Every structure is written in structure tokens, then in C-alpha cells.
Amino acid sequence: MKVIRNSVVALKYEVLDGRGEVVERGHEPMVYLHGGHGGIFPKVEEALADKATGEKVRVRLAPEDSFWPRDPGLVRVEPRSRFRGKLKVGTRVQGEAAHAEHSHPVSFRVVKVGENEVTLDGNHPLAGQTIEFRCTVLDVRPASPEEIAHGHAHGPDGHHHH
């Protein structure tokens, strides 16, 4: 079967950063519902159309097509006193980011720890970089009516919402 609209696709994948180094390698297959449901980067989905099991795809993605350009508004300096215990670079902390009238939860990465200040970055670590997404199609199957109705693939043993 080829990758077509409303097929469920399983991929082995890796993501390379702007320097060509592998920064993410899926230990488990990535499974998504094909056909504009938002389960994968649109340019990768485009490249996977009509592919079959065993075929490989490599797609270079500009920041706009992957993890977005860096947003300086998502970098914050907070007083050290707001954080309890030991903090180290790379730790994740939850916070709020405001856009227009509403705010939403954001996972911030600690990028610098000073004596009195902590610098946080809510951008994805790959934001602003052109990345390469490489994948191999492991499996393609027709989606069930429930998967199509819900707009995403379900796990092998039923329903998984994240």
C-alpha cells in the first residue's frame, strides 16, 4: 500500500541540526495519520505522499517549516530567588507565555544560572535552524473510521490520547 490520504504511516526517523549532526533519533516508530491532520511537518508529509514500505525520504526544513524562527520574547531573565533547590543548565521549568490577550503554558529550558539571576528560553532547541528530517517508511495501513474522525492514529491496542 502507498501513503495516501487517511492512511496510517509508521516511520523510523532521525532529525539532523544545521551542522548535520543527529539530534533526535526515534527509538520507537513515529506513527501518524496522513492527509493534513497535523501529525507531522507538512513538508515531510508532502514528501511522503505515494511512498511505499521501505522507501526513504530526506527533507530539509527551513525554520518556518519546522520549529519556527527564534522568538526573543521567549527568553527571560528571572530572579534566582524564584527557584528552589539546585538548578542546572538544561533543566526544564514550566511557565506562562503571553500572546495578545491570552497566556499559555510553556516549557522553558534553563540556559544560564547566575548568582542572582536565571536565564530561561522557551524556544525549541532547534528553533531558528534549518534541519534535515530523514525517515524510512516502516508500514502503511488504511486508517479506521475512528482514527479519521479523531484526526490521528491510535495505538495498536486501541485508543491513545496524549
N, C-alpha and C. Protein backbone atom coordinates (compact mmCIF):
# COMPACT_ATOMS: atom_id res chain seq x y z
N MET A 1 0.84 -1.19 0.00
CA MET A 1 0.00 0.00 0.00
C MET A 1 0.88 1.25 0.00
N LYS A 2 0.46 2.24 -0.74
CA LYS A 2 1.20 3.51 -0.77
C LYS A 2 0.62 4.49 0.25
N VAL A 3 1.44 5.50 0.62
CA VAL A 3 1.00 6.54 1.55
C VAL A 3 0.01 7.44 0.81
N ILE A 4 -1.25 7.40 1.26
CA ILE A 4 -2.30 8.24 0.68
C ILE A 4 -3.09 8.89 1.81
N ARG A 5 -3.98 9.81 1.45
CA ARG A 5 -4.82 10.47 2.46
C ARG A 5 -5.55 9.42 3.30
N ASN A 6 -5.58 9.66 4.60
CA ASN A 6 -6.23 8.78 5.57
C ASN A 6 -5.63 7.38 5.63
N SER A 7 -4.31 7.32 5.43
CA SER A 7 -3.59 6.09 5.74
C SER A 7 -2.77 6.36 7.00
N VAL A 8 -2.53 5.31 7.78
CA VAL A 8 -1.70 5.43 8.97
C VAL A 8 -0.29 4.97 8.58
N VAL A 9 0.68 5.84 8.86
CA VAL A 9 2.05 5.61 8.42
C VAL A 9 2.95 5.47 9.65
N ALA A 10 3.80 4.44 9.65
CA ALA A 10 4.80 4.26 10.70
C ALA A 10 6.17 4.54 10.08
N LEU A 11 6.95 5.37 10.77
CA LEU A 11 8.26 5.79 10.25
C LEU A 11 9.36 5.52 11.26
N LYS A 12 10.52 5.15 10.74
CA LYS A 12 11.76 5.21 11.52
C LYS A 12 12.35 6.56 11.11
N TYR A 13 12.78 7.38 12.07
CA TYR A 13 13.22 8.72 11.69
C TYR A 13 14.40 9.21 12.51
N GLU A 14 15.04 10.24 11.95
CA GLU A 14 16.06 10.98 12.68
C GLU A 14 16.01 12.43 12.22
N VAL A 15 16.41 13.32 13.13
CA VAL A 15 16.44 14.76 12.86
C VAL A 15 17.89 15.22 13.00
N LEU A 16 18.36 15.94 11.97
CA LEU A 16 19.72 16.48 11.99
C LEU A 16 19.66 17.99 12.13
N ASP A 17 20.56 18.56 12.92
CA ASP A 17 20.58 20.01 13.10
C ASP A 17 21.29 20.68 11.92
N GLY A 18 21.44 21.99 12.01
CA GLY A 18 22.05 22.78 10.95
C GLY A 18 23.49 22.37 10.64
N ARG A 19 24.17 21.71 11.58
CA ARG A 19 25.55 21.26 11.36
C ARG A 19 25.60 19.84 10.81
N GLY A 20 24.41 19.23 10.61
CA GLY A 20 24.37 17.87 10.08
C GLY A 20 24.55 16.80 11.13
N GLU A 21 24.44 17.17 12.42
CA GLU A 21 24.58 16.19 13.50
C GLU A 21 23.20 15.69 13.90
N VAL A 22 23.11 14.38 14.14
CA VAL A 22 21.83 13.79 14.57
C VAL A 22 21.52 14.29 15.98
N VAL A 23 20.38 14.96 16.13
CA VAL A 23 19.98 15.48 17.44
C VAL A 23 18.80 14.73 18.02
N GLU A 24 18.10 13.98 17.16
CA GLU A 24 16.99 13.17 17.65
C GLU A 24 16.88 11.95 16.75
N ARG A 25 16.75 10.81 17.40
CA ARG A 25 16.56 9.56 16.66
C ARG A 25 15.44 8.84 17.37
N GLY A 26 14.36 8.60 16.66
CA GLY A 26 13.22 7.94 17.29
C GLY A 26 13.54 6.51 17.68
N HIS A 27 13.44 6.21 18.98
CA HIS A 27 13.67 4.83 19.43
C HIS A 27 12.44 3.99 19.11
N GLU A 28 11.28 4.61 19.18
CA GLU A 28 10.03 3.98 18.78
C GLU A 28 9.64 4.57 17.44
N PRO A 29 8.94 3.81 16.59
CA PRO A 29 8.49 4.40 15.33
C PRO A 29 7.54 5.58 15.57
N MET A 30 7.60 6.56 14.69
CA MET A 30 6.64 7.66 14.70
C MET A 30 5.46 7.18 13.86
N VAL A 31 4.25 7.28 14.42
CA VAL A 31 3.06 6.85 13.71
C VAL A 31 2.13 8.05 13.59
N TYR A 32 1.68 8.32 12.37
CA TYR A 32 0.79 9.47 12.17
C TYR A 32 -0.26 9.16 11.12
N LEU A 33 -1.33 9.94 11.14
CA LEU A 33 -2.41 9.83 10.16
C LEU A 33 -2.12 10.80 9.03
N HIS A 34 -1.94 10.26 7.82
CA HIS A 34 -1.55 11.06 6.66
C HIS A 34 -2.77 11.79 6.08
N GLY A 35 -2.55 13.03 5.65
CA GLY A 35 -3.61 13.74 4.95
C GLY A 35 -3.99 15.08 5.56
N GLY A 36 -3.01 15.82 6.06
CA GLY A 36 -3.29 17.17 6.54
C GLY A 36 -3.92 17.24 7.92
N HIS A 37 -3.66 16.23 8.76
CA HIS A 37 -4.24 16.21 10.11
C HIS A 37 -3.30 16.83 11.14
N GLY A 38 -2.13 17.31 10.71
CA GLY A 38 -1.22 18.00 11.63
C GLY A 38 -0.35 17.08 12.47
N GLY A 39 -0.22 15.81 12.10
CA GLY A 39 0.58 14.89 12.91
C GLY A 39 2.06 14.90 12.59
N ILE A 40 2.44 15.61 11.54
CA ILE A 40 3.85 15.65 11.12
C ILE A 40 4.05 16.96 10.35
N PHE A 41 5.31 17.41 10.22
CA PHE A 41 5.56 18.65 9.48
C PHE A 41 4.96 18.54 8.07
N PRO A 42 4.20 19.53 7.62
CA PRO A 42 3.55 19.46 6.30
C PRO A 42 4.50 19.15 5.14
N LYS A 43 5.71 19.70 5.14
CA LYS A 43 6.65 19.45 4.03
C LYS A 43 7.12 17.98 4.02
N VAL A 44 7.22 17.38 5.21
CA VAL A 44 7.59 15.97 5.28
C VAL A 44 6.42 15.13 4.78
N GLU A 45 5.22 15.49 5.19
CA GLU A 45 4.03 14.78 4.74
C GLU A 45 3.92 14.82 3.21
N GLU A 46 4.19 15.99 2.65
CA GLU A 46 4.18 16.17 1.19
C GLU A 46 5.17 15.20 0.52
N ALA A 47 6.38 15.10 1.09
CA ALA A 47 7.43 14.24 0.52
C ALA A 47 7.08 12.76 0.65
N LEU A 48 6.27 12.40 1.66
CA LEU A 48 5.92 11.00 1.88
C LEU A 48 4.76 10.53 1.01
N ALA A 49 4.03 11.43 0.39
CA ALA A 49 2.88 11.06 -0.44
C ALA A 49 3.30 10.06 -1.51
N ASP A 50 2.54 8.99 -1.65
CA ASP A 50 2.73 7.94 -2.65
C ASP A 50 3.96 7.06 -2.42
N LYS A 51 4.61 7.19 -1.26
CA LYS A 51 5.73 6.30 -0.94
C LYS A 51 5.18 4.97 -0.43
N ALA A 52 6.02 3.93 -0.48
CA ALA A 52 5.62 2.60 -0.01
C ALA A 52 6.58 2.14 1.08
N THR A 53 6.21 1.07 1.76
CA THR A 53 7.05 0.49 2.80
C THR A 53 8.47 0.28 2.28
N GLY A 54 9.44 0.70 3.08
CA GLY A 54 10.85 0.54 2.73
C GLY A 54 11.46 1.76 2.06
N GLU A 55 10.61 2.66 1.56
CA GLU A 55 11.15 3.86 0.88
C GLU A 55 11.65 4.86 1.91
N LYS A 56 12.69 5.60 1.50
CA LYS A 56 13.32 6.60 2.38
C LYS A 56 13.04 8.00 1.84
N VAL A 57 12.95 8.95 2.77
CA VAL A 57 12.72 10.35 2.42
C VAL A 57 13.67 11.21 3.25
N ARG A 58 14.26 12.22 2.59
CA ARG A 58 15.10 13.21 3.28
C ARG A 58 14.54 14.57 2.91
N VAL A 59 14.22 15.39 3.92
CA VAL A 59 13.65 16.70 3.65
C VAL A 59 14.39 17.75 4.48
N ARG A 60 14.88 18.79 3.80
CA ARG A 60 15.47 19.94 4.51
C ARG A 60 14.34 20.89 4.84
N LEU A 61 14.28 21.31 6.09
CA LEU A 61 13.20 22.17 6.55
C LEU A 61 13.75 23.49 7.07
N ALA A 62 13.27 24.57 6.50
CA ALA A 62 13.61 25.91 7.00
C ALA A 62 12.91 26.09 8.35
N PRO A 63 13.36 27.04 9.17
CA PRO A 63 12.72 27.25 10.47
C PRO A 63 11.20 27.42 10.38
N GLU A 64 10.71 28.11 9.34
CA GLU A 64 9.27 28.36 9.20
C GLU A 64 8.51 27.05 8.99
N ASP A 65 9.19 26.02 8.49
CA ASP A 65 8.54 24.76 8.20
C ASP A 65 8.77 23.69 9.28
N SER A 66 9.50 24.07 10.33
CA SER A 66 9.78 23.08 11.38
C SER A 66 9.55 23.67 12.77
N PHE A 67 10.61 24.12 13.43
CA PHE A 67 10.50 24.57 14.82
C PHE A 67 10.45 26.09 14.96
N TRP A 68 10.18 26.78 13.87
CA TRP A 68 9.98 28.23 13.85
C TRP A 68 11.26 29.02 14.10
N PRO A 69 11.28 30.25 13.62
CA PRO A 69 12.41 31.14 13.95
C PRO A 69 12.44 31.38 15.46
N ARG A 70 13.61 31.71 15.97
CA ARG A 70 13.73 32.01 17.41
C ARG A 70 12.88 33.24 17.76
N ASP A 71 12.18 33.15 18.88
CA ASP A 71 11.37 34.27 19.37
C ASP A 71 12.06 34.86 20.59
N PRO A 72 12.67 36.07 20.42
CA PRO A 72 13.38 36.67 21.56
C PRO A 72 12.45 36.90 22.76
N GLY A 73 11.15 37.00 22.51
CA GLY A 73 10.19 37.19 23.59
C GLY A 73 10.05 35.97 24.50
N LEU A 74 10.60 34.85 24.07
CA LEU A 74 10.53 33.63 24.89
C LEU A 74 11.81 33.42 25.71
N VAL A 75 12.71 34.40 25.69
CA VAL A 75 13.91 34.35 26.54
C VAL A 75 13.67 35.31 27.70
N ARG A 76 13.83 34.80 28.91
CA ARG A 76 13.55 35.60 30.10
C ARG A 76 14.68 35.50 31.12
N VAL A 77 14.85 36.57 31.85
CA VAL A 77 15.78 36.55 32.99
C VAL A 77 14.91 36.72 34.25
N GLU A 78 15.01 35.75 35.13
CA GLU A 78 14.20 35.75 36.36
C GLU A 78 15.11 35.82 37.58
N PRO A 79 14.60 36.37 38.69
CA PRO A 79 15.40 36.38 39.92
C PRO A 79 15.65 34.94 40.40
N ARG A 80 16.86 34.67 40.83
CA ARG A 80 17.24 33.33 41.32
C ARG A 80 16.34 32.91 42.48
N SER A 81 15.86 33.89 43.26
CA SER A 81 15.04 33.59 44.44
C SER A 81 13.69 32.94 44.09
N ARG A 82 13.27 33.00 42.83
CA ARG A 82 12.00 32.38 42.43
C ARG A 82 12.12 30.86 42.31
N PHE A 83 13.34 30.34 42.36
CA PHE A 83 13.56 28.91 42.15
C PHE A 83 14.11 28.27 43.40
N ARG A 84 13.56 27.13 43.77
CA ARG A 84 14.02 26.41 44.95
C ARG A 84 15.04 25.35 44.53
N GLY A 85 15.93 25.05 45.44
CA GLY A 85 16.87 23.94 45.21
C GLY A 85 17.89 24.21 44.13
N LYS A 86 18.55 23.14 43.75
CA LYS A 86 19.61 23.25 42.74
C LYS A 86 19.01 23.41 41.35
N LEU A 87 19.61 24.30 40.59
CA LEU A 87 19.20 24.49 39.20
C LEU A 87 20.43 24.30 38.34
N LYS A 88 20.27 23.58 37.22
CA LYS A 88 21.41 23.48 36.33
C LYS A 88 20.95 23.73 34.90
N VAL A 89 21.90 24.11 34.07
CA VAL A 89 21.62 24.37 32.66
C VAL A 89 21.04 23.11 32.04
N GLY A 90 19.96 23.28 31.30
CA GLY A 90 19.30 22.15 30.65
C GLY A 90 18.04 21.70 31.37
N THR A 91 17.90 22.08 32.66
CA THR A 91 16.70 21.74 33.41
C THR A 91 15.49 22.39 32.76
N ARG A 92 14.34 21.72 32.80
CA ARG A 92 13.10 22.28 32.26
C ARG A 92 12.24 22.78 33.41
N VAL A 93 11.65 23.96 33.21
CA VAL A 93 10.71 24.51 34.19
C VAL A 93 9.46 24.96 33.43
N GLN A 94 8.33 24.85 34.09
CA GLN A 94 7.08 25.27 33.46
C GLN A 94 6.83 26.74 33.76
N GLY A 95 6.28 27.44 32.79
CA GLY A 95 5.94 28.85 32.96
C GLY A 95 4.81 29.23 32.04
N GLU A 96 4.52 30.49 31.99
CA GLU A 96 3.47 31.01 31.12
C GLU A 96 4.09 31.95 30.10
N ALA A 97 3.56 31.91 28.88
CA ALA A 97 3.97 32.88 27.86
C ALA A 97 2.71 33.59 27.40
N ALA A 98 2.76 34.89 27.31
CA ALA A 98 1.59 35.67 26.92
C ALA A 98 1.68 36.04 25.45
N HIS A 99 0.59 35.84 24.75
CA HIS A 99 0.45 36.28 23.36
C HIS A 99 -0.87 36.99 23.28
N ALA A 100 -0.85 38.23 22.84
CA ALA A 100 -2.05 39.07 22.76
C ALA A 100 -2.73 39.08 24.13
N GLU A 101 -4.00 38.67 24.20
CA GLU A 101 -4.74 38.76 25.47
C GLU A 101 -4.64 37.48 26.30
N HIS A 102 -4.13 36.41 25.73
CA HIS A 102 -4.14 35.15 26.47
C HIS A 102 -2.71 34.64 26.72
N SER A 103 -2.61 33.83 27.76
CA SER A 103 -1.31 33.22 28.03
C SER A 103 -1.48 31.70 27.94
N HIS A 104 -0.39 31.02 27.71
CA HIS A 104 -0.44 29.57 27.62
C HIS A 104 0.80 28.99 28.27
N PRO A 105 0.70 27.75 28.76
CA PRO A 105 1.86 27.13 29.42
C PRO A 105 2.99 26.86 28.41
N VAL A 106 4.21 27.12 28.86
CA VAL A 106 5.39 26.89 28.03
C VAL A 106 6.43 26.18 28.88
N SER A 107 7.13 25.24 28.26
CA SER A 107 8.25 24.59 28.94
C SER A 107 9.50 25.41 28.61
N PHE A 108 10.11 25.97 29.64
CA PHE A 108 11.32 26.77 29.46
C PHE A 108 12.53 25.91 29.81
N ARG A 109 13.62 26.12 29.10
CA ARG A 109 14.89 25.46 29.36
C ARG A 109 15.78 26.45 30.10
N VAL A 110 16.43 26.01 31.16
CA VAL A 110 17.39 26.87 31.87
C VAL A 110 18.64 26.92 31.00
N VAL A 111 19.03 28.14 30.56
CA VAL A 111 20.21 28.26 29.71
C VAL A 111 21.40 28.90 30.42
N LYS A 112 21.13 29.57 31.56
CA LYS A 112 22.23 30.19 32.31
C LYS A 112 21.78 30.35 33.76
N VAL A 113 22.65 30.00 34.69
CA VAL A 113 22.35 30.15 36.11
C VAL A 113 23.41 31.05 36.71
N GLY A 114 22.99 32.23 37.18
CA GLY A 114 23.90 33.15 37.84
C GLY A 114 23.65 33.16 39.33
N GLU A 115 24.41 33.98 40.04
CA GLU A 115 24.24 34.05 41.49
C GLU A 115 22.87 34.62 41.85
N ASN A 116 22.42 35.63 41.09
CA ASN A 116 21.15 36.28 41.40
C ASN A 116 20.08 36.13 40.32
N GLU A 117 20.48 35.62 39.16
CA GLU A 117 19.55 35.54 38.04
C GLU A 117 19.60 34.18 37.35
N VAL A 118 18.47 33.83 36.75
CA VAL A 118 18.38 32.60 35.96
C VAL A 118 17.84 33.01 34.60
N THR A 119 18.50 32.57 33.51
CA THR A 119 18.02 32.87 32.16
C THR A 119 17.30 31.64 31.63
N LEU A 120 16.06 31.85 31.16
CA LEU A 120 15.21 30.78 30.65
C LEU A 120 14.93 31.01 29.17
N ASP A 121 14.79 29.94 28.42
CA ASP A 121 14.48 30.04 26.99
C ASP A 121 13.33 29.10 26.67
N GLY A 122 12.23 29.66 26.18
CA GLY A 122 11.04 28.87 25.84
C GLY A 122 11.02 28.43 24.38
N ASN A 123 12.05 28.81 23.62
CA ASN A 123 12.13 28.36 22.23
C ASN A 123 12.51 26.89 22.18
N HIS A 124 12.07 26.20 21.13
CA HIS A 124 12.52 24.83 20.92
C HIS A 124 14.03 24.89 20.69
N PRO A 125 14.80 23.90 21.17
CA PRO A 125 16.26 23.94 20.97
C PRO A 125 16.67 24.06 19.50
N LEU A 126 15.83 23.62 18.57
CA LEU A 126 16.16 23.71 17.14
C LEU A 126 15.52 24.92 16.46
N ALA A 127 14.87 25.79 17.22
CA ALA A 127 14.25 26.98 16.63
C ALA A 127 15.33 27.80 15.92
N GLY A 128 14.98 28.32 14.76
CA GLY A 128 15.90 29.17 14.00
C GLY A 128 16.88 28.41 13.14
N GLN A 129 16.89 27.08 13.22
CA GLN A 129 17.83 26.28 12.42
C GLN A 129 17.13 25.61 11.25
N THR A 130 17.85 25.50 10.15
CA THR A 130 17.38 24.64 9.06
C THR A 130 17.77 23.23 9.46
N ILE A 131 16.80 22.34 9.48
CA ILE A 131 17.06 20.97 9.91
C ILE A 131 16.85 20.01 8.73
N GLU A 132 17.30 18.79 8.92
CA GLU A 132 17.01 17.75 7.94
C GLU A 132 16.26 16.65 8.66
N PHE A 133 15.13 16.24 8.08
CA PHE A 133 14.32 15.16 8.62
C PHE A 133 14.49 13.97 7.68
N ARG A 134 15.04 12.87 8.20
CA ARG A 134 15.25 11.67 7.40
C ARG A 134 14.36 10.57 7.96
N CYS A 135 13.70 9.84 7.07
CA CYS A 135 12.86 8.77 7.57
C CYS A 135 12.74 7.64 6.56
N THR A 136 12.36 6.48 7.08
CA THR A 136 12.08 5.29 6.28
C THR A 136 10.67 4.86 6.61
N VAL A 137 9.88 4.57 5.59
CA VAL A 137 8.51 4.10 5.81
C VAL A 137 8.59 2.64 6.27
N LEU A 138 8.09 2.37 7.48
CA LEU A 138 8.10 1.02 8.03
C LEU A 138 6.82 0.28 7.70
N ASP A 139 5.70 1.02 7.68
CA ASP A 139 4.41 0.38 7.48
C ASP A 139 3.39 1.42 7.02
N VAL A 140 2.44 0.99 6.20
CA VAL A 140 1.33 1.84 5.77
C VAL A 140 0.08 0.97 5.83
N ARG A 141 -0.96 1.49 6.46
CA ARG A 141 -2.22 0.75 6.51
C ARG A 141 -3.38 1.73 6.40
N PRO A 142 -4.56 1.25 5.99
CA PRO A 142 -5.71 2.15 5.95
C PRO A 142 -6.08 2.57 7.38
N ALA A 143 -6.51 3.80 7.55
CA ALA A 143 -6.96 4.27 8.86
C ALA A 143 -8.36 3.75 9.13
N SER A 144 -8.67 3.55 10.40
CA SER A 144 -10.03 3.15 10.78
C SER A 144 -10.94 4.38 10.74
N PRO A 145 -12.25 4.19 10.67
CA PRO A 145 -13.16 5.33 10.70
C PRO A 145 -12.97 6.20 11.96
N GLU A 146 -12.66 5.55 13.11
CA GLU A 146 -12.44 6.31 14.35
C GLU A 146 -11.21 7.19 14.24
N GLU A 147 -10.13 6.65 13.68
CA GLU A 147 -8.90 7.44 13.53
C GLU A 147 -9.16 8.64 12.62
N ILE A 148 -9.87 8.43 11.54
CA ILE A 148 -10.19 9.54 10.62
C ILE A 148 -11.04 10.59 11.34
N ALA A 149 -12.03 10.13 12.09
CA ALA A 149 -12.91 11.05 12.83
C ALA A 149 -12.13 11.85 13.87
N HIS A 150 -11.17 11.18 14.54
CA HIS A 150 -10.39 11.85 15.59
C HIS A 150 -9.22 12.65 15.04
N GLY A 151 -8.82 12.39 13.78
CA GLY A 151 -7.73 13.15 13.17
C GLY A 151 -6.34 12.71 13.57
N HIS A 152 -6.22 11.49 14.15
CA HIS A 152 -4.89 10.98 14.49
C HIS A 152 -4.93 9.46 14.57
N ALA A 153 -3.73 8.85 14.48
CA ALA A 153 -3.62 7.40 14.57
C ALA A 153 -3.80 6.95 16.01
N HIS A 154 -4.37 5.76 16.19
CA HIS A 154 -4.50 5.16 17.50
C HIS A 154 -3.45 4.08 17.64
N GLY A 155 -3.13 3.72 18.87
CA GLY A 155 -2.12 2.71 19.12
C GLY A 155 -2.59 1.33 18.68
N PRO A 156 -1.68 0.37 18.65
CA PRO A 156 -2.02 -0.98 18.18
C PRO A 156 -3.10 -1.63 19.02
N ASP A 157 -3.15 -1.29 20.32
CA ASP A 157 -4.16 -1.92 21.19
C ASP A 157 -5.29 -0.95 21.51
N GLY A 158 -5.64 -0.09 20.57
CA GLY A 158 -6.80 0.77 20.81
C GLY A 158 -6.47 2.23 20.78
N HIS A 159 -6.99 2.93 21.77
CA HIS A 159 -7.05 4.38 21.73
C HIS A 159 -6.01 5.01 22.65
N HIS A 160 -5.17 5.87 22.10
CA HIS A 160 -4.17 6.58 22.93
C HIS A 160 -4.27 8.06 22.66
N HIS A 161 -4.66 8.84 23.66
CA HIS A 161 -4.64 10.30 23.53
C HIS A 161 -3.49 10.82 24.37
N HIS A 162 -2.74 11.76 23.79
CA HIS A 162 -1.59 12.33 24.52
C HIS A 162 -1.95 13.70 25.01
